[in-house]
Amino acid sequence: MKVFYINDMSEIKEDNIKRAVALGFFDGIHKGHRKIIENTISGAKNEGMTSCLLTFDICPKEFFSGKEIKLLTPKQRKISILNELGIDELYILKFNDKLSKISKEEFIETVLKKLNIVSVYCGEDYLFGSKGQGTPAFIEEYTKGSIKVNIVKLIKSKDNNKISSTYLRNLIIEGKVFEYKEISGVNYKISGKVKKGKQLGRTISFPTVNLELDEEYVIPNKFGVYLTKVKVKGKYYKGITNIGKNPTVSDSGNLSIETYILDFSEDIYGEKIELEFYDYLRKEQKFLGLEELKKQLLNDKALAEKFNMELSIEKK
């Protein structure tokens, strides 16, 4: 997949390649997003075109609110997933003041037409241009049908909520990782490097790895222990992950993401690992001492061992 970072629309180079494009921010790349992307790829192949996806470097809501929005799929993870899904080209536009004020007509002229877009794929709620005045229908109307628009209908959850990135972010914040999988179709994942901790787990035969995130992910505000799958050096293991402030062994108040990896004993300091969340096991609590903590960890481990989780070497 070719990746293009566009700071200004004038940087978009014109050529004779016909393209089908998926439009949206695509945070989380959930079921609805994947349907749009899959339709874009298959549509492009059927018409002998190049498939591409057009998105922004930050969530537009972050630009307008001035408040940082942590993402389900930060930039590098999003790039990795899109590459795996098979998109040919990815265009990442810098969302700045100029882009925020672009008219709906100018967006079509300076972006879609310059990229030689023939087919657009988007959700029915997709809006573009200044104040979101551009709709999917306007693209066909303005271009007199020279750009065909293919709309993917919204997918709703069992409780009739629209499956959106905002809805899914709130699920993760609330610690509802099992519900996230049911609704989005994929387990929530975060990644980073293993850093050194206090190594107190070693003293009770429960050595843990402390994760230093490699990007700004949405992290559960519901502190406690989660059932996870851990990817280390291309191989998967079961894990029990504590997200919280470790009140039994620390009074610093600092947030930590600490994982005990089952059936694993290697020294992996500095190694990149990935955590895949399956379920919430219990709330974080303060124990009277390390022995009481150990008893609880043995119970957590027993639950993890019973859980049916596919473990294999990463497929290349």
Protein backbone atom coordinates (compact mmCIF):
# COMPACT_ATOMS: atom_id res chain seq x y z
CA MET A 1 0.00 0.00 0.00
CA LYS A 2 1.28 3.45 -0.93
CA VAL A 3 0.78 6.15 1.73
CA PHE A 4 0.58 9.84 0.84
CA TYR A 5 0.68 12.59 3.48
CA ILE A 6 -1.02 15.72 2.10
CA ASN A 7 -0.43 19.00 3.94
CA ASP A 8 -2.20 21.06 1.28
CA MET A 9 -4.52 20.09 -1.54
CA SER A 10 -2.05 21.60 -4.03
CA GLU A 11 0.28 18.69 -3.23
CA ILE A 12 -2.10 16.18 -4.80
CA LYS A 13 -0.56 15.10 -8.09
CA GLU A 14 -2.77 14.52 -11.10
CA ASP A 15 -2.37 11.44 -13.27
CA ASN A 16 -4.45 9.23 -15.56
CA ILE A 17 -5.09 6.46 -13.03
CA LYS A 18 -8.80 5.87 -12.40
CA ARG A 19 -9.61 5.40 -8.74
CA ALA A 20 -12.36 4.19 -6.42
CA VAL A 21 -12.20 5.89 -3.02
CA ALA A 22 -13.47 5.15 0.49
CA LEU A 23 -14.26 8.38 2.34
CA GLY A 24 -14.32 8.80 6.13
CA PHE A 25 -12.17 9.05 9.25
CA PHE A 26 -12.44 5.31 10.00
CA ASP A 27 -11.43 5.27 13.67
CA GLY A 28 -11.77 1.74 15.00
CA ILE A 29 -12.35 0.29 11.52
CA HIS A 30 -15.52 -1.44 12.72
CA LYS A 31 -18.08 -3.53 10.78
CA GLY A 32 -19.53 -0.53 8.96
CA HIS A 33 -16.09 0.78 8.03
CA ARG A 34 -14.97 -2.64 6.82
CA LYS A 35 -18.04 -2.93 4.60
CA ILE A 36 -17.17 0.40 2.97
CA ILE A 37 -13.53 -0.64 2.51
CA GLU A 38 -14.40 -4.11 1.18
CA ASN A 39 -16.87 -2.61 -1.32
CA THR A 40 -14.24 -0.10 -2.44
CA ILE A 41 -11.65 -2.81 -3.05
CA SER A 42 -14.03 -5.18 -4.86
CA GLY A 43 -15.54 -2.33 -6.90
CA ALA A 44 -12.09 -1.15 -7.96
CA LYS A 45 -11.03 -4.67 -8.97
CA ASN A 46 -14.20 -5.22 -11.00
CA GLU A 47 -13.65 -1.98 -12.91
CA GLY A 48 -9.88 -2.32 -13.27
CA MET A 49 -9.26 0.71 -11.05
CA THR A 50 -6.97 1.53 -8.12
CA SER A 51 -8.59 1.39 -4.69
CA CYS A 52 -7.78 4.21 -2.29
CA LEU A 53 -8.91 5.59 1.03
CA LEU A 54 -9.01 9.27 1.92
CA THR A 55 -8.87 10.28 5.58
CA PHE A 56 -7.45 12.93 7.94
CA ASP A 57 -4.45 13.06 10.27
CA ILE A 58 -6.66 13.94 13.27
CA CYS A 59 -10.33 13.58 14.09
CA PRO A 60 -12.11 16.74 12.81
CA LYS A 61 -13.95 16.94 16.15
CA GLU A 62 -10.56 17.41 17.84
CA PHE A 63 -9.73 20.34 15.56
CA PHE A 64 -13.02 22.15 16.20
CA SER A 65 -13.18 21.44 19.95
CA GLY A 66 -9.50 22.06 20.65
CA LYS A 67 -9.54 19.00 22.91
CA GLU A 68 -7.41 15.92 22.27
CA ILE A 69 -9.40 12.86 21.21
CA LYS A 70 -7.61 9.60 21.87
CA LEU A 71 -8.29 7.08 19.16
CA LEU A 72 -9.19 3.41 18.88
CA THR A 73 -6.84 3.12 15.93
CA PRO A 74 -4.10 5.77 16.03
CA LYS A 75 -2.30 6.56 12.78
CA GLN A 76 0.25 3.74 12.61
CA ARG A 77 -2.27 1.07 13.66
CA LYS A 78 -4.76 2.37 11.11
CA ILE A 79 -2.12 2.23 8.38
CA SER A 80 -1.26 -1.35 9.34
CA ILE A 81 -4.89 -2.51 9.29
CA LEU A 82 -5.65 -0.83 5.96
CA ASN A 83 -2.57 -2.44 4.45
CA GLU A 84 -3.77 -5.85 5.66
CA LEU A 85 -7.25 -5.24 4.23
CA GLY A 86 -5.77 -4.61 0.78
CA ILE A 87 -6.26 -0.92 -0.02
CA ASP A 88 -3.86 0.16 -2.80
CA GLU A 89 -3.38 3.80 -1.78
CA LEU A 90 -3.94 5.76 1.42
CA TYR A 91 -4.21 9.56 1.39
CA ILE A 92 -3.90 11.28 4.78
CA LEU A 93 -4.94 14.94 4.60
CA LYS A 94 -3.76 17.35 7.27
CA PHE A 95 -6.89 18.74 8.89
CA ASN A 96 -6.10 22.42 9.38
CA ASP A 97 -7.88 25.76 9.23
CA LYS A 98 -7.78 25.88 5.43
CA LEU A 99 -9.25 22.42 5.03
CA SER A 100 -11.92 23.11 7.65
CA LYS A 101 -13.20 26.02 5.54
CA ILE A 102 -13.12 24.35 2.14
CA SER A 103 -16.46 24.48 0.33
CA LYS A 104 -18.18 21.32 -0.80
CA GLU A 105 -17.58 22.28 -4.43
CA GLU A 106 -13.89 22.98 -3.84
CA PHE A 107 -13.44 19.62 -2.11
CA ILE A 108 -14.76 17.86 -5.21
CA GLU A 109 -12.64 19.97 -7.57
CA THR A 110 -9.34 20.01 -5.66
CA VAL A 111 -9.44 16.54 -4.13
CA LEU A 112 -11.80 14.09 -5.83
CA LYS A 113 -11.32 15.31 -9.40
CA LYS A 114 -7.56 15.75 -9.03
CA LEU A 115 -7.32 12.16 -7.81
CA ASN A 116 -9.34 11.10 -10.85
CA ILE A 117 -12.01 9.50 -8.67
CA VAL A 118 -14.63 7.56 -10.63
CA SER A 119 -16.43 5.85 -7.73
CA VAL A 120 -16.98 6.97 -4.13
CA TYR A 121 -17.86 4.62 -1.27
CA CYS A 122 -19.06 6.06 2.04
CA GLY A 123 -21.59 5.73 4.85
CA GLU A 124 -25.02 7.30 4.50
CA ASP A 125 -24.15 9.85 7.20
CA TYR A 126 -20.93 11.01 5.50
CA LEU A 127 -20.59 14.79 5.26
CA PHE A 128 -17.79 16.95 3.84
CA GLY A 129 -16.86 20.55 3.20
CA SER A 130 -17.30 23.61 5.39
CA LYS A 131 -19.86 23.03 8.16
CA GLY A 132 -20.54 19.57 6.75
CA GLN A 133 -22.69 20.99 3.94
CA GLY A 134 -21.65 18.35 1.38
CA THR A 135 -23.61 15.12 1.20
CA PRO A 136 -23.03 11.94 -0.84
CA ALA A 137 -25.93 12.88 -3.11
CA PHE A 138 -24.33 16.27 -3.84
CA ILE A 139 -21.24 14.58 -5.33
CA GLU A 140 -23.29 12.92 -8.09
CA GLU A 141 -25.41 16.03 -8.55
CA TYR A 142 -22.43 18.38 -8.87
CA THR A 143 -20.43 16.09 -11.17
CA LYS A 144 -23.54 15.20 -13.21
CA GLY A 145 -22.92 11.52 -12.55
CA SER A 146 -19.28 11.43 -13.65
CA ILE A 147 -18.45 10.34 -10.10
CA LYS A 148 -20.70 7.50 -8.98
CA VAL A 149 -21.55 7.33 -5.28
CA ASN A 150 -22.08 4.00 -3.50
CA ILE A 151 -23.64 4.37 -0.07
CA VAL A 152 -23.29 1.77 2.68
CA LYS A 153 -26.20 1.82 5.11
CA LEU A 154 -25.57 2.37 8.79
CA ILE A 155 -25.25 -0.70 10.99
CA LYS A 156 -26.99 -0.60 14.37
CA SER A 157 -26.32 -2.46 17.61
CA LYS A 158 -28.81 -4.73 19.39
CA ASP A 159 -29.98 -1.75 21.46
CA ASN A 160 -30.60 0.21 18.23
CA ASN A 161 -27.63 2.55 18.62
CA LYS A 162 -25.73 3.61 15.53
CA ILE A 163 -22.39 1.83 15.44
CA SER A 164 -20.05 4.80 15.37
CA SER A 165 -16.50 5.45 16.48
CA THR A 166 -17.81 7.63 19.32
CA TYR A 167 -20.10 4.86 20.55
CA LEU A 168 -17.25 2.33 20.43
CA ARG A 169 -14.82 4.68 22.21
CA ASN A 170 -17.31 4.98 25.06
CA LEU A 171 -17.56 1.18 25.31
CA ILE A 172 -13.78 0.94 25.77
CA ILE A 173 -13.73 3.79 28.29
CA GLU A 174 -16.39 1.91 30.28
CA GLY A 175 -14.35 -1.31 30.12
CA LYS A 176 -16.95 -3.10 28.00
CA VAL A 177 -14.41 -4.90 25.83
CA PHE A 178 -16.61 -7.97 25.28
CA GLU A 179 -19.47 -5.78 24.04
CA TYR A 180 -16.98 -3.91 21.83
CA LYS A 181 -16.08 -7.19 20.07
CA GLU A 182 -19.74 -8.16 19.65
CA ILE A 183 -20.61 -4.82 18.05
CA SER A 184 -17.47 -3.93 16.10
CA GLY A 185 -16.62 -7.45 14.95
CA VAL A 186 -13.02 -7.26 16.20
CA ASN A 187 -11.25 -7.34 19.56
CA TYR A 188 -9.80 -4.07 20.81
CA LYS A 189 -6.01 -3.93 20.50
CA ILE A 190 -3.25 -1.74 21.87
CA SER A 191 0.52 -2.05 21.52
CA GLY A 192 3.80 -0.71 22.81
CA LYS A 193 7.18 -1.62 24.25
CA VAL A 194 7.87 -3.53 27.44
CA LYS A 195 9.44 -1.31 30.09
CA LYS A 196 10.97 -2.18 33.45
CA GLY A 197 8.73 -2.04 36.50
CA LYS A 198 9.33 -2.80 40.19
CA GLN A 199 9.59 -6.54 39.40
CA LEU A 200 7.61 -7.42 42.52
CA GLY A 201 5.65 -10.02 40.58
CA ARG A 202 8.75 -12.16 40.34
CA THR A 203 8.78 -12.55 44.13
CA ILE A 204 5.39 -14.31 44.07
CA SER A 205 6.01 -16.31 40.88
CA PHE A 206 3.88 -13.95 38.79
CA PRO A 207 6.34 -11.94 36.68
CA THR A 208 4.55 -9.27 34.70
CA VAL A 209 5.41 -7.00 31.77
CA ASN A 210 4.69 -3.29 31.91
CA LEU A 211 3.48 -1.73 28.67
CA GLU A 212 4.61 1.65 27.44
CA LEU A 213 2.16 2.61 24.70
CA ASP A 214 3.60 3.43 21.28
CA GLU A 215 0.63 5.68 20.37
CA GLU A 216 -2.16 7.55 22.19
CA TYR A 217 -4.89 4.91 22.51
CA VAL A 218 -8.27 5.02 24.22
CA ILE A 219 -7.70 3.23 27.54
CA PRO A 220 -10.48 1.87 29.83
CA ASN A 221 -11.37 4.11 32.74
CA LYS A 222 -12.80 1.02 34.42
CA PHE A 223 -9.74 -0.13 36.33
CA GLY A 224 -9.36 -3.84 36.85
CA VAL A 225 -8.19 -7.11 35.36
CA TYR A 226 -8.89 -8.02 31.75
CA LEU A 227 -8.53 -11.30 29.88
CA THR A 228 -6.17 -10.63 26.98
CA LYS A 229 -4.26 -12.31 24.20
CA VAL A 230 -0.65 -11.21 23.96
CA LYS A 231 1.41 -11.17 20.77
CA VAL A 232 5.15 -11.48 21.40
CA LYS A 233 7.64 -11.98 18.56
CA GLY A 234 4.91 -13.19 16.22
CA LYS A 235 3.48 -15.75 18.66
CA TYR A 236 0.33 -15.54 20.78
CA TYR A 237 -0.20 -16.31 24.47
CA LYS A 238 -3.01 -15.93 26.98
CA GLY A 239 -2.64 -13.04 29.37
CA ILE A 240 -4.25 -11.37 32.38
CA THR A 241 -3.84 -7.61 32.21
CA ASN A 242 -4.32 -5.15 35.04
CA ILE A 243 -5.18 -1.59 34.08
CA GLY A 244 -5.08 0.78 37.03
CA LYS A 245 -2.84 2.17 39.73
CA ASN A 246 -1.64 -1.00 41.51
CA PRO A 247 -2.83 0.08 44.99
CA THR A 248 -1.37 -3.03 46.69
CA VAL A 249 2.22 -2.22 45.76
CA SER A 250 2.18 1.47 44.84
CA ASP A 251 0.80 4.75 46.13
CA SER A 252 2.08 6.87 43.23
CA GLY A 253 -1.33 7.14 41.61
CA ASN A 254 0.21 6.59 38.18
CA LEU A 255 -1.69 4.58 35.59
CA SER A 256 -0.08 1.31 34.58
CA ILE A 257 -0.85 -1.47 32.09
CA GLU A 258 0.64 -4.65 33.49
CA THR A 259 0.29 -8.16 32.04
CA TYR A 260 1.05 -11.64 33.30
CA ILE A 261 1.69 -13.84 30.24
CA LEU A 262 0.72 -17.48 30.75
CA ASP A 263 3.26 -20.18 29.85
CA PHE A 264 5.94 -17.58 29.10
CA SER A 265 9.23 -16.86 30.84
CA GLU A 266 11.45 -14.92 28.41
CA ASP A 267 13.09 -11.57 29.20
CA ILE A 268 11.47 -9.17 26.71
CA TYR A 269 12.40 -5.72 27.98
CA GLY A 270 12.35 -3.30 25.06
CA GLU A 271 10.35 -5.74 22.91
CA LYS A 272 7.17 -4.57 21.18
CA ILE A 273 4.05 -6.50 22.20
CA GLU A 274 0.36 -6.28 21.37
CA LEU A 275 -2.58 -6.77 23.73
CA GLU A 276 -5.93 -7.98 22.42
CA PHE A 277 -8.81 -7.58 24.89
CA TYR A 278 -11.38 -10.36 25.33
CA ASP A 279 -13.27 -9.74 28.56
CA TYR A 280 -13.35 -7.92 31.91
CA LEU A 281 -12.63 -10.27 34.83
CA ARG A 282 -12.79 -8.18 38.01
CA LYS A 283 -12.29 -4.72 39.44
CA GLU A 284 -8.93 -3.54 40.75
CA GLN A 285 -8.59 -3.86 44.49
CA LYS A 286 -6.09 -3.28 47.26
CA PHE A 287 -4.92 -6.47 48.98
CA LEU A 288 -3.46 -6.73 52.48
CA GLY A 289 -0.16 -8.03 51.09
CA LEU A 290 1.59 -9.91 48.31
CA GLU A 291 0.42 -13.35 49.48
CA GLU A 292 -3.22 -12.30 49.30
CA LEU A 293 -2.55 -10.81 45.87
CA LYS A 294 -0.96 -14.09 44.79
CA LYS A 295 -4.07 -16.07 45.79
CA GLN A 296 -6.23 -13.81 43.64
CA LEU A 297 -3.82 -14.03 40.71
CA LEU A 298 -3.98 -17.83 40.90
CA ASN A 299 -7.77 -17.56 40.56
CA ASP A 300 -7.39 -15.16 37.62
CA LYS A 301 -4.93 -17.52 35.96
CA ALA A 302 -7.30 -20.48 36.37
CA LEU A 303 -10.07 -18.52 34.63
CA ALA A 304 -7.73 -17.57 31.79
CA GLU A 305 -6.60 -21.17 31.34
CA LYS A 306 -10.21 -22.31 30.89
CA PHE A 307 -10.99 -19.65 28.31
CA ASN A 308 -11.07 -20.90 24.71
CA MET A 309 -8.76 -18.60 22.77
CA GLU A 310 -7.11 -19.37 19.45
CA LEU A 311 -3.34 -19.23 19.90
CA SER A 312 -0.99 -19.66 16.98
CA ILE A 313 2.11 -18.34 15.31
CA GLU A 314 1.39 -15.16 13.38
CA LYS A 315 0.48 -15.85 9.77
CA LYS A 316 2.80 -14.06 7.39
